[in-house]
């Protein structure tokens, strides 16, 4: 590639990525050469400023039409823009949690790594959002994965953190291998790694043997990505990793990593398999393979909702409980993928946005309540209303939203997915019924937390301890509370933004 060709690309389309990359590089260099007495929290604030700068650059790109550069391997389309918005907002809030994180055993000697590894993981998710090629998609996925493995074990003197990192890297490696195996089938069948070229080649494959091979590729990709999404029965790593990892890392895995997982699922599944014929003759010659395989996604969604909510009933550790809650929410999102209604994209986007605010807010409160003593039992929340009333009210808002109570963003998100399952053709009545039933089951463990906070005495009689809340975490909780209530009462604010900026999926 000559210099003129290189300069001819619209590099401005990658401005958010360049900002995150530049800030992460600067933080790593400063951390390397700064003396030990240097306060690493400054690096966290620089990282937070970098995310805000990337967010501003992204907002400036919303007026730009679809841009593809580097031989269509990087695509800035409406899909990438709206999902990058969620990723950047989620990462900014989690960075505030990371700045205020103070584990009992201390981690000042490697606190700098904490911040730029979060940025590296964020960069991987952004690359995935704009990938138009299997290679760049895989590079983004691995950048996210490798950063997450290290972050999960960053509390080097904490045994559960070491255990979580080991389990995560073993399961993550298996998932990566299976995903790559599925991608190799796609490349072998189409002769290209470019997703746009695949959409041109796949409709021309009339041999029924190709349909079987594409079916194998579909199952490989679905299984590999199911590990990333923590859907049952591929969820076994999530509870241990969520429990052992630092709380900001758990929030990152629960929100940013899960959003990226659904981004890659939609990019791969919708683009590739909606352009593949189910067979060579008859009705199958015009029926997309994706519609023939809907039932398998439906089974995955149903099992995930049931397993996540039922097992959560027996959890006493608050982070393990939220791990199973996260599994259940992945099942709700898979209902939207299964139904493939005209509202699929907006339903998934809105739900991930609502989940972002209510989950990050909940983990911020959990971090405040458990950081000093490492006791993560639900009993830690007993009498919380008397100790820190406004913090208990904030947690109550997040819990109600996670449960899907009217007046919150979580309710609107679930309602959108539920209606999408019913209006699709054919309607998915069983999935809709399962969604209602498992949501009711979730009330038992969600309201159990509320019972502890508002109706149980403090574990220490007469305790009136006042929690000292760091500024960053206080700001994050405030933003999350306002967003959870605002999008619950005025959902059209977010939906109108989506409709204005999402012109279609390409």
Protein backbone atom coordinates (compact mmCIF):
# COMPACT_ATOMS: atom_id res chain seq x y z
CA UNK A 1 0.00 0.00 0.00
CA UNK A 2 1.55 3.31 -1.11
CA UNK A 3 1.48 6.51 0.94
CA UNK A 4 -1.12 8.23 -1.27
CA UNK A 5 -3.56 5.34 -0.80
CA UNK A 6 -2.92 5.32 2.91
CA UNK A 7 -3.60 9.04 3.22
CA UNK A 8 -6.74 8.79 1.09
CA UNK A 9 -8.63 6.84 3.76
CA UNK A 10 -11.13 8.66 5.97
CA UNK A 11 -9.19 8.07 9.16
CA UNK A 12 -11.57 10.36 11.01
CA UNK A 13 -14.00 7.43 11.15
CA UNK A 14 -11.60 5.80 13.62
CA UNK A 15 -11.18 8.90 15.79
CA UNK A 16 -12.76 7.31 18.92
CA UNK A 17 -10.53 4.25 18.57
CA UNK A 18 -7.40 6.37 18.06
CA UNK A 19 -8.21 8.41 21.18
CA UNK A 20 -8.66 5.30 23.35
CA UNK A 21 -5.50 3.73 21.89
CA UNK A 22 -3.49 6.91 22.44
CA UNK A 23 -4.66 7.38 26.03
CA UNK A 24 -4.03 3.70 26.88
CA UNK A 25 -0.50 3.96 25.44
CA UNK A 26 0.25 7.15 27.37
CA UNK A 27 -1.05 5.64 30.63
CA UNK A 28 1.09 2.52 30.20
CA UNK A 29 4.23 4.58 29.56
CA UNK A 30 3.60 6.97 32.47
CA UNK A 31 2.85 4.05 34.79
CA UNK A 32 6.07 2.35 33.74
CA UNK A 33 8.34 5.30 34.52
CA UNK A 34 6.46 7.03 37.34
CA UNK A 35 7.90 6.55 40.86
CA UNK A 36 6.11 4.25 43.30
CA UNK A 37 4.90 7.15 45.41
CA UNK A 38 3.06 8.64 42.42
CA UNK A 39 -0.72 8.54 42.95
CA UNK A 40 -2.00 6.19 40.21
CA UNK A 41 -5.55 7.49 40.62
CA UNK A 42 -4.50 10.40 38.41
CA UNK A 43 -4.07 7.89 35.59
CA UNK A 44 -7.65 6.77 36.16
CA UNK A 45 -8.93 10.34 35.79
CA UNK A 46 -6.88 10.74 32.61
CA UNK A 47 -8.42 7.50 31.31
CA UNK A 48 -11.89 8.79 32.20
CA UNK A 49 -11.17 12.04 30.32
CA UNK A 50 -9.99 9.98 27.34
CA UNK A 51 -13.25 8.04 27.26
CA UNK A 52 -15.23 11.30 27.36
CA UNK A 53 -13.11 12.63 24.48
CA UNK A 54 -13.79 9.46 22.49
CA UNK A 55 -17.49 9.84 23.28
CA UNK A 56 -17.43 13.43 21.98
CA UNK A 57 -15.65 12.28 18.80
CA UNK A 58 -18.27 9.55 18.31
CA UNK A 59 -21.15 12.02 18.71
CA UNK A 60 -19.51 14.16 16.02
CA UNK A 61 -19.55 11.14 13.67
CA UNK A 62 -23.30 10.56 13.94
CA UNK A 63 -23.86 13.05 11.12
CA UNK A 64 -21.41 11.18 8.85
CA UNK A 65 -22.72 8.61 6.37
CA UNK A 66 -21.48 5.01 6.40
CA UNK A 67 -17.70 4.87 5.97
CA UNK A 68 -15.66 1.78 5.11
CA UNK A 69 -11.87 1.82 5.09
CA UNK A 70 -8.98 -0.63 4.91
CA UNK A 71 -10.66 -2.76 2.23
CA UNK A 72 -13.97 -2.92 4.11
CA UNK A 73 -12.39 -4.42 7.22
CA UNK A 74 -13.48 -1.38 9.27
CA UNK A 75 -17.03 -0.14 8.84
CA UNK A 76 -18.51 2.86 10.60
CA UNK A 77 -22.23 2.39 10.03
CA UNK A 78 -25.33 3.23 12.08
CA UNK A 79 -25.10 -0.11 13.90
CA UNK A 80 -21.52 0.57 15.02
CA UNK A 81 -22.32 4.11 16.16
CA UNK A 82 -25.31 3.34 18.38
CA UNK A 83 -23.65 0.37 20.06
CA UNK A 84 -20.32 2.17 20.53
CA UNK A 85 -22.31 4.81 22.39
CA UNK A 86 -23.38 2.20 24.94
CA UNK A 87 -19.86 0.79 25.20
CA UNK A 88 -18.28 4.19 25.87
CA UNK A 89 -20.90 5.28 28.41
CA UNK A 90 -20.59 1.96 30.24
CA UNK A 91 -16.79 2.12 30.24
CA UNK A 92 -16.82 5.73 31.55
CA UNK A 93 -19.03 4.78 34.50
CA UNK A 94 -16.94 1.69 35.25
CA UNK A 95 -13.77 3.78 35.15
CA UNK A 96 -15.27 5.90 37.94
CA UNK A 97 -15.78 2.71 39.94
CA UNK A 98 -12.19 1.66 39.26
CA UNK A 99 -10.81 5.00 40.47
CA UNK A 100 -12.64 4.62 43.78
CA UNK A 101 -11.79 0.93 44.24
CA UNK A 102 -9.90 0.22 47.49
CA UNK A 103 -9.52 -3.51 48.24
CA UNK A 104 -8.50 -4.52 51.75
CA UNK A 105 -5.16 -6.01 50.73
CA UNK A 106 -4.24 -2.97 48.58
CA UNK A 107 -3.11 -2.95 44.97
CA UNK A 108 -1.26 0.34 44.62
CA UNK A 109 1.80 -1.25 43.02
CA UNK A 110 -0.18 -2.26 39.94
CA UNK A 111 -3.08 0.20 40.09
CA UNK A 112 -1.96 1.78 36.80
CA UNK A 113 -2.44 -1.50 34.95
CA UNK A 114 -6.02 -1.53 36.13
CA UNK A 115 -6.87 1.58 34.12
CA UNK A 116 -5.14 0.98 30.82
CA UNK A 117 -6.25 -2.65 30.67
CA UNK A 118 -9.84 -1.42 30.98
CA UNK A 119 -9.15 0.89 28.04
CA UNK A 120 -7.57 -1.95 26.06
CA UNK A 121 -10.66 -4.10 26.63
CA UNK A 122 -12.87 -1.19 25.60
CA UNK A 123 -10.82 -0.74 22.42
CA UNK A 124 -11.39 -4.41 21.58
CA UNK A 125 -15.16 -4.01 21.91
CA UNK A 126 -15.12 -0.92 19.68
CA UNK A 127 -13.14 -2.75 16.99
CA UNK A 128 -15.68 -5.58 17.15
CA UNK A 129 -18.53 -3.11 16.66
CA UNK A 130 -17.03 -1.77 13.43
CA UNK A 131 -15.54 -4.98 12.06
CA UNK A 132 -16.46 -5.88 8.52
CA UNK A 133 -14.09 -8.83 8.35
CA UNK A 134 -13.60 -12.04 10.32
CA UNK A 135 -9.96 -11.20 10.99
CA UNK A 136 -10.57 -7.78 12.54
CA UNK A 137 -13.57 -9.23 14.38
CA UNK A 138 -11.33 -11.89 15.91
CA UNK A 139 -8.58 -9.37 16.73
CA UNK A 140 -11.10 -7.21 18.60
CA UNK A 141 -12.49 -10.26 20.39
CA UNK A 142 -9.05 -11.37 21.54
CA UNK A 143 -8.04 -7.88 22.64
CA UNK A 144 -11.12 -7.84 24.85
CA UNK A 145 -10.55 -11.40 26.07
CA UNK A 146 -6.86 -11.07 26.94
CA UNK A 147 -7.47 -7.81 28.80
CA UNK A 148 -10.37 -9.41 30.70
CA UNK A 149 -8.28 -12.44 31.71
CA UNK A 150 -5.64 -10.19 33.31
CA UNK A 151 -8.22 -7.92 34.92
CA UNK A 152 -10.00 -10.91 36.49
CA UNK A 153 -6.80 -11.85 38.33
CA UNK A 154 -5.40 -8.39 39.00
CA UNK A 155 -5.80 -8.77 42.78
CA UNK A 156 -2.62 -10.82 42.90
CA UNK A 157 -2.71 -11.40 46.67
CA UNK A 158 -6.36 -12.46 46.69
CA UNK A 159 -6.89 -16.21 46.21
CA UNK A 160 -10.46 -16.04 44.79
CA UNK A 161 -9.20 -13.54 42.20
CA UNK A 162 -6.45 -15.95 41.13
CA UNK A 163 -8.99 -18.76 40.89
CA UNK A 164 -11.37 -16.65 38.82
CA UNK A 165 -8.61 -15.73 36.35
CA UNK A 166 -7.63 -19.38 35.92
CA UNK A 167 -11.21 -20.53 35.30
CA UNK A 168 -11.88 -17.61 32.99
CA UNK A 169 -8.84 -18.17 30.79
CA UNK A 170 -9.50 -21.93 30.49
CA UNK A 171 -13.15 -21.48 29.52
CA UNK A 172 -12.35 -18.42 27.40
CA UNK A 173 -9.68 -20.33 25.46
CA UNK A 174 -12.11 -23.14 24.72
CA UNK A 175 -14.71 -20.62 23.56
CA UNK A 176 -12.17 -18.88 21.34
CA UNK A 177 -11.10 -22.16 19.75
CA UNK A 178 -14.70 -23.17 19.00
CA UNK A 179 -15.51 -19.70 17.59
CA UNK A 180 -12.42 -19.77 15.39
CA UNK A 181 -13.36 -23.25 14.18
CA UNK A 182 -16.76 -21.92 13.11
CA UNK A 183 -15.13 -18.97 11.34
CA UNK A 184 -12.83 -21.34 9.47
CA UNK A 185 -15.88 -23.09 8.00
CA UNK A 186 -17.20 -19.75 6.75
CA UNK A 187 -13.88 -18.94 5.14
CA UNK A 188 -13.58 -22.41 3.61
CA UNK A 189 -17.07 -22.23 2.08
CA UNK A 190 -16.96 -18.65 0.79
CA UNK A 191 -13.25 -18.21 0.11
CA UNK A 192 -13.22 -14.83 1.85
CA UNK A 193 -13.04 -13.40 5.35
CA UNK A 194 -14.89 -10.21 4.41
CA UNK A 195 -18.50 -10.15 5.63
CA UNK A 196 -19.74 -7.98 2.74
CA UNK A 197 -18.23 -10.36 0.18
CA UNK A 198 -19.78 -13.31 2.03
CA UNK A 199 -23.24 -11.80 1.57
CA UNK A 200 -22.61 -11.79 -2.20
CA UNK A 201 -21.24 -15.33 -2.35
CA UNK A 202 -23.63 -17.20 -0.02
CA UNK A 203 -26.90 -16.70 -2.00
CA UNK A 204 -25.19 -18.31 -5.02
CA UNK A 205 -24.39 -21.56 -3.21
CA UNK A 206 -27.19 -23.85 -4.43
CA UNK A 207 -25.67 -27.17 -3.40
CA UNK A 208 -27.51 -28.62 -0.39
CA UNK A 209 -24.17 -29.83 1.02
CA UNK A 210 -23.25 -26.21 1.66
CA UNK A 211 -26.33 -25.85 3.85
CA UNK A 212 -25.11 -28.65 6.12
CA UNK A 213 -21.66 -27.10 6.39
CA UNK A 214 -23.19 -23.70 7.12
CA UNK A 215 -25.32 -25.36 9.80
CA UNK A 216 -22.16 -26.72 11.42
CA UNK A 217 -20.57 -23.27 11.23
CA UNK A 218 -23.69 -21.78 12.85
CA UNK A 219 -23.56 -24.17 15.80
CA UNK A 220 -19.83 -23.65 16.28
CA UNK A 221 -20.24 -19.87 16.35
CA UNK A 222 -23.33 -20.03 18.56
CA UNK A 223 -21.58 -22.27 21.11
CA UNK A 224 -18.38 -20.20 21.08
CA UNK A 225 -20.22 -16.91 21.49
CA UNK A 226 -22.51 -18.43 24.14
CA UNK A 227 -19.45 -18.79 26.38
CA UNK A 228 -18.80 -15.06 25.93
CA UNK A 229 -22.44 -14.20 26.65
CA UNK A 230 -22.58 -16.58 29.65
CA UNK A 231 -25.73 -18.31 28.41
CA UNK A 232 -26.72 -21.71 29.81
CA UNK A 233 -25.38 -24.35 29.61
CA UNK A 234 -22.15 -22.49 28.80
CA UNK A 235 -22.33 -20.28 31.86
CA UNK A 236 -20.28 -22.34 34.32
CA UNK A 237 -17.41 -19.85 34.47
CA UNK A 238 -19.48 -16.75 35.20
CA UNK A 239 -20.41 -17.18 38.91
CA UNK A 240 -16.84 -17.96 40.00
CA UNK A 241 -15.32 -15.18 37.89
CA UNK A 242 -17.89 -12.60 38.98
CA UNK A 243 -17.30 -13.52 42.63
CA UNK A 244 -13.50 -13.59 42.52
CA UNK A 245 -12.79 -10.60 40.27
CA UNK A 246 -12.54 -7.02 41.53
CA UNK A 247 -15.98 -5.40 41.57
CA UNK A 248 -15.25 -2.89 38.74
CA UNK A 249 -14.01 -5.82 36.64
CA UNK A 250 -17.19 -7.75 37.41
CA UNK A 251 -19.20 -4.71 36.27
CA UNK A 252 -17.07 -4.52 33.10
CA UNK A 253 -17.68 -8.19 32.28
CA UNK A 254 -21.37 -7.90 33.07
CA UNK A 255 -22.03 -4.77 31.01
CA UNK A 256 -19.36 -3.89 28.43
CA UNK A 257 -18.25 -7.43 27.61
CA UNK A 258 -21.84 -8.69 27.36
CA UNK A 259 -22.82 -5.80 25.08
CA UNK A 260 -19.85 -6.60 22.85
CA UNK A 261 -20.91 -10.26 22.81
CA UNK A 262 -24.33 -9.35 21.44
CA UNK A 263 -22.72 -6.98 18.93
CA UNK A 264 -20.60 -9.78 17.47
CA UNK A 265 -23.55 -12.20 17.59
CA UNK A 266 -25.68 -9.82 15.53
CA UNK A 267 -22.84 -9.00 13.14
CA UNK A 268 -22.09 -12.67 12.51
CA UNK A 269 -25.50 -14.30 12.72
CA UNK A 270 -27.68 -11.72 11.02
CA UNK A 271 -25.31 -10.78 8.22
CA UNK A 272 -24.05 -14.24 7.33
CA UNK A 273 -26.87 -16.66 8.03
CA UNK A 274 -29.74 -14.46 6.87
CA UNK A 275 -28.10 -14.54 3.42
CA UNK A 276 -27.67 -18.32 3.37
CA UNK A 277 -30.33 -20.53 1.79
CA UNK A 278 -31.75 -23.34 3.90
CA UNK A 279 -31.69 -25.72 0.92
CA UNK A 280 -31.20 -26.00 -2.81
CA UNK A 281 -34.78 -26.71 -3.93
CA UNK A 282 -38.38 -25.92 -3.02
CA UNK A 283 -39.29 -23.54 -0.25
CA UNK A 284 -35.87 -23.96 1.33
CA UNK A 285 -34.24 -22.32 -1.69
CA UNK A 286 -35.74 -18.96 -0.70
CA UNK A 287 -35.88 -19.46 3.09
CA UNK A 288 -32.87 -18.05 4.97
CA UNK A 289 -31.00 -20.66 6.99
CA UNK A 290 -31.28 -18.38 10.01
CA UNK A 291 -35.06 -18.84 10.13
CA UNK A 292 -34.68 -22.61 10.00
CA UNK A 293 -32.36 -22.48 12.99
CA UNK A 294 -34.50 -20.15 15.11
CA UNK A 295 -35.68 -23.00 17.31
CA UNK A 296 -32.15 -23.70 18.52
CA UNK A 297 -31.69 -20.09 19.61
CA UNK A 298 -35.12 -20.27 21.27
CA UNK A 299 -34.10 -23.34 23.29
CA UNK A 300 -30.89 -21.58 24.35
CA UNK A 301 -32.91 -18.52 25.42
CA UNK A 302 -35.43 -20.59 27.39
CA UNK A 303 -32.82 -22.69 29.20
CA UNK A 304 -30.78 -19.58 30.01
CA UNK A 305 -33.75 -17.76 31.55
CA UNK A 306 -34.73 -20.77 33.65
CA UNK A 307 -31.23 -21.70 34.83
CA UNK A 308 -30.20 -18.12 35.62
CA UNK A 309 -33.28 -17.28 37.68
CA UNK A 310 -33.77 -20.61 39.45
CA UNK A 311 -30.17 -21.07 40.61
CA UNK A 312 -30.04 -17.43 41.74
CA UNK A 313 -32.66 -18.29 44.36
CA UNK A 314 -30.09 -20.26 46.39
CA UNK A 315 -27.25 -17.73 46.30
CA UNK A 316 -26.02 -15.94 49.41
CA UNK A 317 -23.00 -14.20 47.88
CA UNK A 318 -24.25 -10.98 46.31
CA UNK A 319 -21.83 -11.09 43.35
CA UNK A 320 -22.69 -14.73 42.56
CA UNK A 321 -26.36 -13.76 42.73
CA UNK A 322 -25.74 -10.99 40.21
CA UNK A 323 -23.80 -13.43 38.03
CA UNK A 324 -26.88 -15.63 37.72
CA UNK A 325 -28.99 -12.50 37.27
CA UNK A 326 -26.69 -11.56 34.36
CA UNK A 327 -27.16 -15.04 32.89
CA UNK A 328 -30.94 -14.60 33.09
CA UNK A 329 -30.77 -11.20 31.37
CA UNK A 330 -28.73 -12.75 28.55
CA UNK A 331 -31.67 -15.14 28.11
CA UNK A 332 -34.10 -12.21 27.83
CA UNK A 333 -31.92 -10.65 25.14
CA UNK A 334 -31.78 -13.95 23.26
CA UNK A 335 -35.59 -13.86 23.12
CA UNK A 336 -35.25 -10.70 21.00
CA UNK A 337 -32.68 -12.41 18.77
CA UNK A 338 -34.95 -15.43 18.39
CA UNK A 339 -38.07 -13.46 17.49
CA UNK A 340 -36.25 -11.43 14.80
CA UNK A 341 -39.12 -8.96 14.74
CA UNK A 342 -38.97 -5.56 13.09
CA UNK A 343 -38.18 -4.17 16.55
CA UNK A 344 -35.23 -6.50 17.19
CA UNK A 345 -32.46 -3.92 16.94
CA UNK A 346 -34.16 -1.23 18.98
CA UNK A 347 -35.29 -3.77 21.60
CA UNK A 348 -31.77 -5.13 22.06
CA UNK A 349 -30.19 -1.67 22.05
CA UNK A 350 -32.65 -0.21 24.56
CA UNK A 351 -32.42 -3.24 26.86
CA UNK A 352 -28.62 -3.19 26.83
CA UNK A 353 -28.75 0.54 27.61
CA UNK A 354 -31.16 0.02 30.50
CA UNK A 355 -29.11 -2.93 31.75
CA UNK A 356 -25.97 -0.78 31.59
CA UNK A 357 -27.29 1.84 34.01
CA UNK A 358 -29.07 -0.45 36.46
CA UNK A 359 -26.25 -2.99 36.64
CA UNK A 360 -23.33 -0.54 36.89
CA UNK A 361 -25.26 1.35 39.56
CA UNK A 362 -25.92 -1.85 41.51
CA UNK A 363 -22.25 -2.89 41.35
CA UNK A 364 -21.21 0.59 42.51
CA UNK A 365 -23.33 0.11 45.64
CA UNK A 366 -22.02 -3.44 46.10
CA UNK A 367 -18.46 -2.12 45.87
CA UNK A 368 -19.11 0.43 48.61
CA UNK A 369 -20.73 -2.13 50.90
CA UNK A 370 -18.17 -4.93 50.52
CA UNK A 371 -14.78 -3.34 49.78
CA UNK A 372 -13.50 -2.94 53.34
CA UNK A 373 -14.11 -6.44 54.70
CA UNK A 374 -14.47 -8.69 51.63
CA UNK A 375 -17.69 -10.07 53.11
CA UNK A 376 -20.07 -10.33 50.17
CA UNK A 377 -22.93 -12.11 51.91
CA UNK A 378 -26.37 -10.63 51.35
CA UNK A 379 -26.56 -10.08 55.12
CA UNK A 380 -24.09 -7.20 54.62
CA UNK A 381 -27.03 -5.20 53.28
CA UNK A 382 -29.11 -5.70 56.45
CA UNK A 383 -30.16 -2.39 57.97
CA UNK A 384 -28.65 -0.48 55.07
CA UNK A 385 -31.55 1.99 55.01
CA UNK A 386 -30.76 3.17 58.55
CA UNK A 387 -27.04 3.48 57.84
CA UNK A 388 -27.09 5.14 54.41
CA UNK A 389 -30.67 5.97 53.42
CA UNK A 390 -30.01 7.52 50.01
CA UNK A 391 -27.66 4.70 49.04
CA UNK A 392 -30.35 2.16 49.99
CA UNK A 393 -32.91 4.07 47.92
CA UNK A 394 -30.55 4.10 44.94
CA UNK A 395 -29.97 0.35 45.26
CA UNK A 396 -33.74 -0.09 45.53
CA UNK A 397 -34.21 1.70 42.22
CA UNK A 398 -31.66 -0.57 40.52
CA UNK A 399 -33.20 -3.72 42.00
CA UNK A 400 -36.70 -2.70 40.89
CA UNK A 401 -35.42 -2.02 37.39
CA UNK A 402 -33.61 -5.36 37.20
CA UNK A 403 -36.85 -7.03 38.30
CA UNK A 404 -38.77 -5.18 35.59
CA UNK A 405 -41.11 -3.14 37.77
CA UNK A 406 -43.14 -0.43 35.91
CA UNK A 407 -41.69 3.06 36.06
CA UNK A 408 -38.14 1.87 35.44
CA UNK A 409 -36.02 1.40 32.31
CA UNK A 410 -35.85 -2.35 32.94
CA UNK A 411 -39.63 -2.66 32.61
CA UNK A 412 -39.68 -0.87 29.24
CA UNK A 413 -36.79 -3.03 28.02
CA UNK A 414 -38.55 -6.27 28.94
CA UNK A 415 -41.85 -4.99 27.52
CA UNK A 416 -40.22 -4.26 24.15
CA UNK A 417 -38.74 -7.76 23.96
CA UNK A 418 -42.00 -9.37 25.11
CA UNK A 419 -44.05 -7.52 22.48
CA UNK A 420 -41.48 -8.36 19.82
CA UNK A 421 -41.84 -12.07 20.62
CA UNK A 422 -45.63 -11.83 20.20
CA UNK A 423 -45.82 -9.77 17.00
CA UNK A 424 -43.26 -11.83 15.07
CA UNK A 425 -44.49 -14.35 12.57
CA UNK A 426 -44.89 -16.99 13.84
CA UNK A 427 -45.38 -15.67 17.37
CA UNK A 428 -43.21 -17.18 20.10
CA UNK A 429 -45.83 -17.77 22.77
CA UNK A 430 -43.80 -20.30 24.75
CA UNK A 431 -40.80 -17.98 25.00
CA UNK A 432 -43.03 -15.06 26.00
CA UNK A 433 -44.67 -17.21 28.71
CA UNK A 434 -41.26 -18.38 29.95
CA UNK A 435 -40.09 -14.78 30.08
CA UNK A 436 -43.04 -13.81 32.30
CA UNK A 437 -42.66 -16.88 34.52
CA UNK A 438 -38.92 -16.46 35.07
CA UNK A 439 -39.36 -12.74 35.69
CA UNK A 440 -41.79 -13.60 38.48
CA UNK A 441 -39.26 -16.08 39.88
CA UNK A 442 -36.62 -13.33 39.88
CA UNK A 443 -38.80 -11.27 42.26
CA UNK A 444 -37.96 -13.71 45.07
CA UNK A 445 -34.21 -13.07 45.08
CA UNK A 446 -34.38 -9.41 44.04
CA UNK A 447 -36.93 -8.58 46.74
CA UNK A 448 -34.88 -10.64 49.19
CA UNK A 449 -32.17 -7.98 48.84
CA UNK A 450 -34.74 -5.22 49.39
CA UNK A 451 -35.97 -7.04 52.49
CA UNK A 452 -32.46 -7.07 53.91
CA UNK A 453 -31.95 -3.38 53.22
CA UNK A 454 -35.24 -2.02 54.53
CA UNK A 455 -36.66 -4.56 56.99
CA UNK A 456 -33.73 -6.32 58.67
CA UNK A 457 -31.69 -4.93 61.57
CA UNK A 458 -28.05 -4.10 61.11
CA UNK A 459 -25.64 -7.02 61.84
CA UNK A 460 -24.11 -4.87 64.61
CA UNK A 461 -26.64 -3.56 67.12
CA UNK A 462 -26.90 0.17 67.19
CA UNK A 463 -24.58 0.57 64.21
CA UNK A 464 -24.98 3.95 62.59
CA UNK A 465 -21.91 3.85 60.39
CA UNK A 466 -21.82 6.48 57.65
CA UNK A 467 -20.28 5.28 54.42
CA UNK A 468 -17.68 7.61 52.95
CA UNK A 469 -18.53 7.69 49.28
CA UNK A 470 -15.78 8.68 46.81
CA UNK A 471 -16.77 11.45 44.42
CA UNK A 472 -16.44 9.31 41.30
CA UNK A 473 -18.63 6.51 42.62
CA UNK A 474 -21.19 9.00 43.91
CA UNK A 475 -21.40 10.60 40.45
CA UNK A 476 -21.74 7.19 38.79
CA UNK A 477 -24.57 6.16 41.14
CA UNK A 478 -26.35 9.48 40.61
CA UNK A 479 -26.17 9.20 36.81
CA UNK A 480 -27.38 5.59 36.90
CA UNK A 481 -30.35 6.42 39.15
CA UNK A 482 -31.43 9.35 36.97
CA UNK A 483 -31.06 7.36 33.74
CA UNK A 484 -32.91 4.32 35.14
CA UNK A 485 -35.88 6.44 36.19
CA UNK A 486 -35.82 8.81 33.19
CA UNK A 487 -35.78 6.05 30.57
CA UNK A 488 -38.49 4.25 32.49
CA UNK A 489 -40.79 7.26 32.51
CA UNK A 490 -39.75 8.75 29.15
CA UNK A 491 -38.51 5.82 27.01
CA UNK A 492 -39.19 7.69 23.78
CA UNK A 493 -36.22 9.93 24.56
CA UNK A 494 -33.87 7.00 23.90
CA UNK A 495 -36.01 5.31 21.24
CA UNK A 496 -36.38 8.51 19.19
CA UNK A 497 -32.61 8.95 19.32
CA UNK A 498 -32.21 5.39 18.06
CA UNK A 499 -34.71 5.82 15.22
CA UNK A 500 -33.10 9.10 14.18
CA UNK A 501 -29.61 7.66 14.00
CA UNK A 502 -30.24 4.06 13.01
CA UNK A 503 -31.12 4.09 9.32
CA UNK A 504 -30.86 0.34 8.88
CA UNK A 505 -28.53 -2.60 9.25
CA UNK A 506 -26.03 -3.08 6.43
